[in-house]
Amino acid sequence: MGVLPVAAVQLDIVWENPTANLAHAAILVQEAANAGARLVVLPEMFATGFSVNYPSLKEGACPSGGVPATSGREEKLLTRHLC
């Protein structure tokens, strides 16, 4: 059986700011991947700052229900490293 390098990422979350949270997470995911992680675990609801105020987040939501929209750079990085 092979080894699966795993990284748990902890980050300061900005309340109801998916763009800022994803930008910060993208940096940390890249660092973990560069260090050899094949699986990176992020905090639950990290992108929204644990907010359930959906109307204020609607514009930042991905139509497919996946990762919220970003400038594109963060989404490309996250989808490249996420399965």
PDB file of N, CA and C in Angstrom:
ATOM      1  N   MET A   1       0.849  -1.178   0.000  1.00  0.00           N
ATOM      2  CA  MET A   1       0.000   0.000   0.000  1.00  0.00           C
ATOM      3  C   MET A   1       0.893   1.239   0.000  1.00  0.00           C
ATOM      4  N   GLY A   2       0.554   2.226  -0.818  1.00  0.00           N
ATOM      5  CA  GLY A   2       1.350   3.442  -0.939  1.00  0.00           C
ATOM      6  C   GLY A   2       1.089   4.441   0.173  1.00  0.00           C
ATOM      7  N   VAL A   3       1.882   5.475   0.184  1.00  0.00           N
ATOM      8  CA  VAL A   3       1.760   6.551   1.158  1.00  0.00           C
ATOM      9  C   VAL A   3       1.062   7.736   0.497  1.00  0.00           C
ATOM     10  N   LEU A   4       0.137   8.345   1.216  1.00  0.00           N
ATOM     11  CA  LEU A   4      -0.566   9.526   0.731  1.00  0.00           C
ATOM     12  C   LEU A   4      -0.169  10.711   1.604  1.00  0.00           C
ATOM     13  N   PRO A   5       0.674  11.617   1.104  1.00  0.00           N
ATOM     14  CA  PRO A   5       1.045  12.797   1.882  1.00  0.00           C
ATOM     15  C   PRO A   5      -0.159  13.735   2.033  1.00  0.00           C
ATOM     16  N   VAL A   6      -0.480  14.086   3.270  1.00  0.00           N
ATOM     17  CA  VAL A   6      -1.646  14.909   3.585  1.00  0.00           C
ATOM     18  C   VAL A   6      -1.200  16.166   4.329  1.00  0.00           C
ATOM     19  N   ALA A   7      -1.857  17.290   4.046  1.00  0.00           N
ATOM     20  CA  ALA A   7      -1.607  18.537   4.772  1.00  0.00           C
ATOM     21  C   ALA A   7      -2.938  19.077   5.277  1.00  0.00           C
ATOM     22  N   ALA A   8      -2.967  19.499   6.524  1.00  0.00           N
ATOM     23  CA  ALA A   8      -4.127  20.184   7.090  1.00  0.00           C
ATOM     24  C   ALA A   8      -3.793  21.670   7.123  1.00  0.00           C
ATOM     25  N   VAL A   9      -4.636  22.482   6.504  1.00  0.00           N
ATOM     26  CA  VAL A   9      -4.382  23.913   6.397  1.00  0.00           C
ATOM     27  C   VAL A   9      -5.289  24.666   7.358  1.00  0.00           C
ATOM     28  N   GLN A  10      -4.706  25.541   8.136  1.00  0.00           N
ATOM     29  CA  GLN A  10      -5.455  26.422   9.032  1.00  0.00           C
ATOM     30  C   GLN A  10      -5.200  27.849   8.571  1.00  0.00           C
ATOM     31  N   LEU A  11      -6.244  28.642   8.435  1.00  0.00           N
ATOM     32  CA  LEU A  11      -6.061  30.010   7.980  1.00  0.00           C
ATOM     33  C   LEU A  11      -7.002  30.950   8.694  1.00  0.00           C
ATOM     34  N   ASP A  12      -6.600  32.225   8.776  1.00  0.00           N
ATOM     35  CA  ASP A  12      -7.482  33.255   9.313  1.00  0.00           C
ATOM     36  C   ASP A  12      -8.551  33.520   8.266  1.00  0.00           C
ATOM     37  N   ILE A  13      -9.813  33.418   8.671  1.00  0.00           N
ATOM     38  CA  ILE A  13     -10.938  33.534   7.749  1.00  0.00           C
ATOM     39  C   ILE A  13     -11.539  34.933   7.830  1.00  0.00           C
ATOM     40  N   VAL A  14     -11.850  35.509   6.671  1.00  0.00           N
ATOM     41  CA  VAL A  14     -12.507  36.812   6.593  1.00  0.00           C
ATOM     42  C   VAL A  14     -14.003  36.563   6.435  1.00  0.00           C
ATOM     43  N   TRP A  15     -14.795  37.074   7.357  1.00  0.00           N
ATOM     44  CA  TRP A  15     -16.236  36.854   7.380  1.00  0.00           C
ATOM     45  C   TRP A  15     -16.887  37.307   6.077  1.00  0.00           C
ATOM     46  N   GLU A  16     -17.632  36.407   5.438  1.00  0.00           N
ATOM     47  CA  GLU A  16     -18.419  36.674   4.231  1.00  0.00           C
ATOM     48  C   GLU A  16     -17.593  37.297   3.095  1.00  0.00           C
ATOM     49  N   ASN A  17     -16.362  36.848   2.940  1.00  0.00           N
ATOM     50  CA  ASN A  17     -15.517  37.365   1.858  1.00  0.00           C
ATOM     51  C   ASN A  17     -14.843  36.200   1.140  1.00  0.00           C
ATOM     52  N   PRO A  18     -15.595  35.489   0.286  1.00  0.00           N
ATOM     53  CA  PRO A  18     -15.031  34.338  -0.409  1.00  0.00           C
ATOM     54  C   PRO A  18     -13.791  34.663  -1.232  1.00  0.00           C
ATOM     55  N   THR A  19     -13.749  35.833  -1.840  1.00  0.00           N
ATOM     56  CA  THR A  19     -12.599  36.182  -2.673  1.00  0.00           C
ATOM     57  C   THR A  19     -11.319  36.233  -1.852  1.00  0.00           C
ATOM     58  N   ALA A  20     -11.363  36.908  -0.716  1.00  0.00           N
ATOM     59  CA  ALA A  20     -10.179  36.996   0.149  1.00  0.00           C
ATOM     60  C   ALA A  20      -9.814  35.632   0.714  1.00  0.00           C
ATOM     61  N   ASN A  21     -10.817  34.871   1.133  1.00  0.00           N
ATOM     62  CA  ASN A  21     -10.557  33.558   1.724  1.00  0.00           C
ATOM     63  C   ASN A  21      -9.959  32.591   0.707  1.00  0.00           C
ATOM     64  N   LEU A  22     -10.477  32.608  -0.510  1.00  0.00           N
ATOM     65  CA  LEU A  22      -9.939  31.725  -1.546  1.00  0.00           C
ATOM     66  C   LEU A  22      -8.534  32.136  -1.967  1.00  0.00           C
ATOM     67  N   ALA A  23      -8.276  33.433  -2.007  1.00  0.00           N
ATOM     68  CA  ALA A  23      -6.932  33.895  -2.362  1.00  0.00           C
ATOM     69  C   ALA A  23      -5.919  33.420  -1.327  1.00  0.00           C
ATOM     70  N   HIS A  24      -6.284  33.534  -0.047  1.00  0.00           N
ATOM     71  CA  HIS A  24      -5.388  33.085   1.023  1.00  0.00           C
ATOM     72  C   HIS A  24      -5.241  31.564   0.987  1.00  0.00           C
ATOM     73  N   ALA A  25      -6.343  30.860   0.805  1.00  0.00           N
ATOM     74  CA  ALA A  25      -6.293  29.397   0.746  1.00  0.00           C
ATOM     75  C   ALA A  25      -5.457  28.929  -0.437  1.00  0.00           C
ATOM     76  N   ALA A  26      -5.556  29.622  -1.564  1.00  0.00           N
ATOM     77  CA  ALA A  26      -4.794  29.229  -2.751  1.00  0.00           C
ATOM     78  C   ALA A  26      -3.294  29.267  -2.483  1.00  0.00           C
ATOM     79  N   ILE A  27      -2.851  30.280  -1.753  1.00  0.00           N
ATOM     80  CA  ILE A  27      -1.430  30.375  -1.397  1.00  0.00           C
ATOM     81  C   ILE A  27      -1.024  29.197  -0.530  1.00  0.00           C
ATOM     82  N   LEU A  28      -1.847  28.885   0.471  1.00  0.00           N
ATOM     83  CA  LEU A  28      -1.521  27.796   1.392  1.00  0.00           C
ATOM     84  C   LEU A  28      -1.601  26.430   0.718  1.00  0.00           C
ATOM     85  N   VAL A  29      -2.559  26.255  -0.189  1.00  0.00           N
ATOM     86  CA  VAL A  29      -2.661  24.994  -0.935  1.00  0.00           C
ATOM     87  C   VAL A  29      -1.430  24.817  -1.819  1.00  0.00           C
ATOM     88  N   GLN A  30      -1.010  25.898  -2.464  1.00  0.00           N
ATOM     89  CA  GLN A  30       0.190  25.827  -3.307  1.00  0.00           C
ATOM     90  C   GLN A  30       1.419  25.465  -2.476  1.00  0.00           C
ATOM     91  N   GLU A  31       1.566  26.076  -1.299  1.00  0.00           N
ATOM     92  CA  GLU A  31       2.698  25.764  -0.421  1.00  0.00           C
ATOM     93  C   GLU A  31       2.669  24.294  -0.008  1.00  0.00           C
ATOM     94  N   ALA A  32       1.486  23.798   0.340  1.00  0.00           N
ATOM     95  CA  ALA A  32       1.360  22.394   0.747  1.00  0.00           C
ATOM     96  C   ALA A  32       1.685  21.463  -0.417  1.00  0.00           C
ATOM     97  N   ALA A  33       1.195  21.794  -1.603  1.00  0.00           N
ATOM     98  CA  ALA A  33       1.482  20.971  -2.783  1.00  0.00           C
ATOM     99  C   ALA A  33       2.975  20.992  -3.104  1.00  0.00           C
ATOM    100  N   ASN A  34       3.592  22.157  -2.991  1.00  0.00           N
ATOM    101  CA  ASN A  34       5.032  22.269  -3.234  1.00  0.00           C
ATOM    102  C   ASN A  34       5.838  21.452  -2.233  1.00  0.00           C
ATOM    103  N   ALA A  35       5.285  21.278  -1.033  1.00  0.00           N
ATOM    104  CA  ALA A  35       5.958  20.494   0.008  1.00  0.00           C
ATOM    105  C   ALA A  35       5.672  18.998  -0.134  1.00  0.00           C
ATOM    106  N   GLY A  36       4.861  18.627  -1.138  1.00  0.00           N
ATOM    107  CA  GLY A  36       4.622  17.215  -1.411  1.00  0.00           C
ATOM    108  C   GLY A  36       3.252  16.681  -1.052  1.00  0.00           C
ATOM    109  N   ALA A  37       2.374  17.526  -0.522  1.00  0.00           N
ATOM    110  CA  ALA A  37       1.030  17.062  -0.162  1.00  0.00           C
ATOM    111  C   ALA A  37       0.243  16.694  -1.413  1.00  0.00           C
ATOM    112  N   ARG A  38      -0.440  15.561  -1.353  1.00  0.00           N
ATOM    113  CA  ARG A  38      -1.321  15.132  -2.444  1.00  0.00           C
ATOM    114  C   ARG A  38      -2.781  15.345  -2.065  1.00  0.00           C
ATOM    115  N   LEU A  39      -3.028  15.534  -0.766  1.00  0.00           N
ATOM    116  CA  LEU A  39      -4.365  15.821  -0.246  1.00  0.00           C
ATOM    117  C   LEU A  39      -4.224  16.972   0.736  1.00  0.00           C
ATOM    118  N   VAL A  40      -4.971  18.054   0.506  1.00  0.00           N
ATOM    119  CA  VAL A  40      -4.938  19.216   1.390  1.00  0.00           C
ATOM    120  C   VAL A  40      -6.333  19.390   1.976  1.00  0.00           C
ATOM    121  N   VAL A  41      -6.409  19.435   3.298  1.00  0.00           N
ATOM    122  CA  VAL A  41      -7.679  19.560   3.999  1.00  0.00           C
ATOM    123  C   VAL A  41      -7.820  20.997   4.490  1.00  0.00           C
ATOM    124  N   LEU A  42      -8.950  21.616   4.140  1.00  0.00           N
ATOM    125  CA  LEU A  42      -9.243  22.989   4.549  1.00  0.00           C
ATOM    126  C   LEU A  42     -10.386  22.983   5.560  1.00  0.00           C
ATOM    127  N   PRO A  43     -10.498  24.028   6.382  1.00  0.00           N
ATOM    128  CA  PRO A  43     -11.599  24.092   7.352  1.00  0.00           C
ATOM    129  C   PRO A  43     -12.963  24.108   6.657  1.00  0.00           C
ATOM    130  N   GLU A  44     -13.940  23.544   7.324  1.00  0.00           N
ATOM    131  CA  GLU A  44     -15.309  23.562   6.820  1.00  0.00           C
ATOM    132  C   GLU A  44     -15.771  25.005   6.631  1.00  0.00           C
ATOM    133  N   MET A  45     -16.399  25.294   5.526  1.00  0.00           N
ATOM    134  CA  MET A  45     -16.961  26.609   5.209  1.00  0.00           C
ATOM    135  C   MET A  45     -15.915  27.721   5.235  1.00  0.00           C
ATOM    136  N   PHE A  46     -14.656  27.381   4.947  1.00  0.00           N
ATOM    137  CA  PHE A  46     -13.592  28.383   5.001  1.00  0.00           C
ATOM    138  C   PHE A  46     -13.823  29.539   4.036  1.00  0.00           C
ATOM    139  N   ALA A  47     -14.426  29.276   2.900  1.00  0.00           N
ATOM    140  CA  ALA A  47     -14.589  30.323   1.885  1.00  0.00           C
ATOM    141  C   ALA A  47     -15.550  31.422   2.330  1.00  0.00           C
ATOM    142  N   THR A  48     -16.561  31.066   3.101  1.00  0.00           N
ATOM    143  CA  THR A  48     -17.568  32.053   3.506  1.00  0.00           C
ATOM    144  C   THR A  48     -17.356  32.592   4.908  1.00  0.00           C
ATOM    145  N   GLY A  49     -16.391  32.086   5.618  1.00  0.00           N
ATOM    146  CA  GLY A  49     -16.195  32.546   6.988  1.00  0.00           C
ATOM    147  C   GLY A  49     -17.290  32.046   7.910  1.00  0.00           C
ATOM    148  N   PHE A  50     -17.794  30.858   7.657  1.00  0.00           N
ATOM    149  CA  PHE A  50     -18.829  30.209   8.455  1.00  0.00           C
ATOM    150  C   PHE A  50     -20.157  30.948   8.418  1.00  0.00           C
ATOM    151  N   SER A  51     -20.358  31.772   7.410  1.00  0.00           N
ATOM    152  CA  SER A  51     -21.606  32.508   7.273  1.00  0.00           C
ATOM    153  C   SER A  51     -22.650  31.642   6.585  1.00  0.00           C
ATOM    154  N   VAL A  52     -23.881  31.787   7.017  1.00  0.00           N
ATOM    155  CA  VAL A  52     -24.998  31.135   6.335  1.00  0.00           C
ATOM    156  C   VAL A  52     -25.935  32.196   5.756  1.00  0.00           C
ATOM    157  N   ASN A  53     -25.419  33.402   5.612  1.00  0.00           N
ATOM    158  CA  ASN A  53     -26.172  34.513   5.043  1.00  0.00           C
ATOM    159  C   ASN A  53     -26.081  34.411   3.520  1.00  0.00           C
ATOM    160  N   TYR A  54     -26.806  33.466   2.957  1.00  0.00           N
ATOM    161  CA  TYR A  54     -26.679  33.145   1.537  1.00  0.00           C
ATOM    162  C   TYR A  54     -26.930  34.305   0.576  1.00  0.00           C
ATOM    163  N   PRO A  55     -27.930  35.178   0.799  1.00  0.00           N
ATOM    164  CA  PRO A  55     -28.133  36.262  -0.172  1.00  0.00           C
ATOM    165  C   PRO A  55     -26.882  37.118  -0.375  1.00  0.00           C
ATOM    166  N   SER A  56     -26.118  37.368   0.679  1.00  0.00           N
ATOM    167  CA  SER A  56     -24.929  38.208   0.524  1.00  0.00           C
ATOM    168  C   SER A  56     -23.804  37.468  -0.182  1.00  0.00           C
ATOM    169  N   LEU A  57     -23.893  36.160  -0.266  1.00  0.00           N
ATOM    170  CA  LEU A  57     -22.848  35.366  -0.894  1.00  0.00           C
ATOM    171  C   LEU A  57     -23.227  34.893  -2.292  1.00  0.00           C
ATOM    172  N   LYS A  58     -24.451  35.138  -2.708  1.00  0.00           N
ATOM    173  CA  LYS A  58     -24.940  34.614  -3.979  1.00  0.00           C
ATOM    174  C   LYS A  58     -24.048  35.001  -5.154  1.00  0.00           C
ATOM    175  N   GLU A  59     -23.577  36.245  -5.200  1.00  0.00           N
ATOM    176  CA  GLU A  59     -22.746  36.680  -6.319  1.00  0.00           C
ATOM    177  C   GLU A  59     -21.419  35.943  -6.360  1.00  0.00           C
ATOM    178  N   GLY A  60     -20.932  35.481  -5.195  1.00  0.00           N
ATOM    179  CA  GLY A  60     -19.655  34.794  -5.152  1.00  0.00           C
ATOM    180  C   GLY A  60     -19.769  33.300  -5.342  1.00  0.00           C
ATOM    181  N   ALA A  61     -20.980  32.797  -5.492  1.00  0.00           N
ATOM    182  CA  ALA A  61     -21.166  31.354  -5.607  1.00  0.00           C
ATOM    183  C   ALA A  61     -20.941  30.881  -7.036  1.00  0.00           C
ATOM    184  N   CYS A  62     -20.392  29.721  -7.137  1.00  0.00           N
ATOM    185  CA  CYS A  62     -20.172  29.109  -8.443  1.00  0.00           C
ATOM    186  C   CYS A  62     -21.499  28.521  -8.919  1.00  0.00           C
ATOM    187  N   PRO A  63     -21.906  28.762 -10.156  1.00  0.00           N
ATOM    188  CA  PRO A  63     -23.178  28.232 -10.652  1.00  0.00           C
ATOM    189  C   PRO A  63     -23.298  26.721 -10.505  1.00  0.00           C
ATOM    190  N   SER A  64     -22.183  26.020 -10.560  1.00  0.00           N
ATOM    191  CA  SER A  64     -22.234  24.565 -10.441  1.00  0.00           C
ATOM    192  C   SER A  64     -22.355  24.110  -8.996  1.00  0.00           C
ATOM    193  N   GLY A  65     -22.304  25.058  -8.051  1.00  0.00           N
ATOM    194  CA  GLY A  65     -22.374  24.692  -6.646  1.00  0.00           C
ATOM    195  C   GLY A  65     -21.015  24.349  -6.068  1.00  0.00           C
ATOM    196  N   GLY A  66     -19.959  24.577  -6.812  1.00  0.00           N
ATOM    197  CA  GLY A  66     -18.611  24.244  -6.358  1.00  0.00           C
ATOM    198  C   GLY A  66     -17.915  25.415  -5.714  1.00  0.00           C
ATOM    199  N   VAL A  67     -16.673  25.611  -6.085  1.00  0.00           N
ATOM    200  CA  VAL A  67     -15.847  26.666  -5.514  1.00  0.00           C
ATOM    201  C   VAL A  67     -16.400  28.026  -5.922  1.00  0.00           C
ATOM    202  N   PRO A  68     -16.548  28.975  -4.970  1.00  0.00           N
ATOM    203  CA  PRO A  68     -17.026  30.306  -5.335  1.00  0.00           C
ATOM    204  C   PRO A  68     -16.121  30.968  -6.365  1.00  0.00           C
ATOM    205  N   ALA A  69     -16.695  31.879  -7.129  1.00  0.00           N
ATOM    206  CA  ALA A  69     -15.945  32.549  -8.193  1.00  0.00           C
ATOM    207  C   ALA A  69     -14.836  33.415  -7.626  1.00  0.00           C
ATOM    208  N   THR A  70     -13.752  33.494  -8.350  1.00  0.00           N
ATOM    209  CA  THR A  70     -12.614  34.328  -7.976  1.00  0.00           C
ATOM    210  C   THR A  70     -12.174  35.063  -9.223  1.00  0.00           C
ATOM    211  N   SER A  71     -11.033  35.682  -9.135  1.00  0.00           N
ATOM    212  CA  SER A  71     -10.488  36.340 -10.317  1.00  0.00           C
ATOM    213  C   SER A  71     -10.097  35.316 -11.366  1.00  0.00           C
ATOM    214  N   GLY A  72     -10.119  34.070 -11.027  1.00  0.00           N
ATOM    215  CA  GLY A  72      -9.763  33.006 -11.955  1.00  0.00           C
ATOM    216  C   GLY A  72      -8.469  32.328 -11.563  1.00  0.00           C
ATOM    217  N   ARG A  73      -7.499  33.103 -11.095  1.00  0.00           N
ATOM    218  CA  ARG A  73      -6.203  32.538 -10.724  1.00  0.00           C
ATOM    219  C   ARG A  73      -6.350  31.555  -9.568  1.00  0.00           C
ATOM    220  N   GLU A  74      -7.085  31.953  -8.525  1.00  0.00           N
ATOM    221  CA  GLU A  74      -7.253  31.084  -7.367  1.00  0.00           C
ATOM    222  C   GLU A  74      -8.051  29.839  -7.728  1.00  0.00           C
ATOM    223  N   GLU A  75      -9.110  30.018  -8.511  1.00  0.00           N
ATOM    224  CA  GLU A  75      -9.928  28.866  -8.885  1.00  0.00           C
ATOM    225  C   GLU A  75      -9.119  27.864  -9.698  1.00  0.00           C
ATOM    226  N   LYS A  76      -8.281  28.349 -10.618  1.00  0.00           N
ATOM    227  CA  LYS A  76      -7.438  27.450 -11.411  1.00  0.00           C
ATOM    228  C   LYS A  76      -6.468  26.692 -10.515  1.00  0.00           C
ATOM    229  N   LEU A  77      -5.873  27.395  -9.549  1.00  0.00           N
ATOM    230  CA  LEU A  77      -4.934  26.747  -8.638  1.00  0.00           C
ATOM    231  C   LEU A  77      -5.644  25.692  -7.806  1.00  0.00           C
ATOM    232  N   LEU A  78      -6.795  26.056  -7.233  1.00  0.00           N
ATOM    233  CA  LEU A  78      -7.507  25.114  -6.376  1.00  0.00           C
ATOM    234  C   LEU A  78      -7.995  23.912  -7.166  1.00  0.00           C
ATOM    235  N   THR A  79      -8.531  24.121  -8.356  1.00  0.00           N
ATOM    236  CA  THR A  79      -9.023  22.976  -9.120  1.00  0.00           C
ATOM    237  C   THR A  79      -7.878  22.129  -9.652  1.00  0.00           C
ATOM    238  N   ARG A  80      -6.711  22.707  -9.840  1.00  0.00           N
ATOM    239  CA  ARG A  80      -5.557  21.925 -10.279  1.00  0.00           C
ATOM    240  C   ARG A  80      -5.119  20.979  -9.168  1.00  0.00           C
ATOM    241  N   HIS A  81      -5.237  21.419  -7.926  1.00  0.00           N
ATOM    242  CA  HIS A  81      -4.769  20.605  -6.817  1.00  0.00           C
ATOM    243  C   HIS A  81      -5.886  19.809  -6.148  1.00  0.00           C
ATOM    244  N   LEU A  82      -7.139  20.166  -6.405  1.00  0.00           N
ATOM    245  CA  LEU A  82      -8.251  19.447  -5.789  1.00  0.00           C
ATOM    246  C   LEU A  82      -8.745  18.361  -6.724  1.00  0.00           C
ATOM    247  N   CYS A  83      -9.258  17.287  -6.139  1.00  0.00           N
ATOM    248  CA  CYS A  83      -9.806  16.225  -6.979  1.00  0.00           C
ATOM    249  C   CYS A  83     -11.313  16.223  -6.878  1.00  0.00           C
TER     250      CYS A  83
END
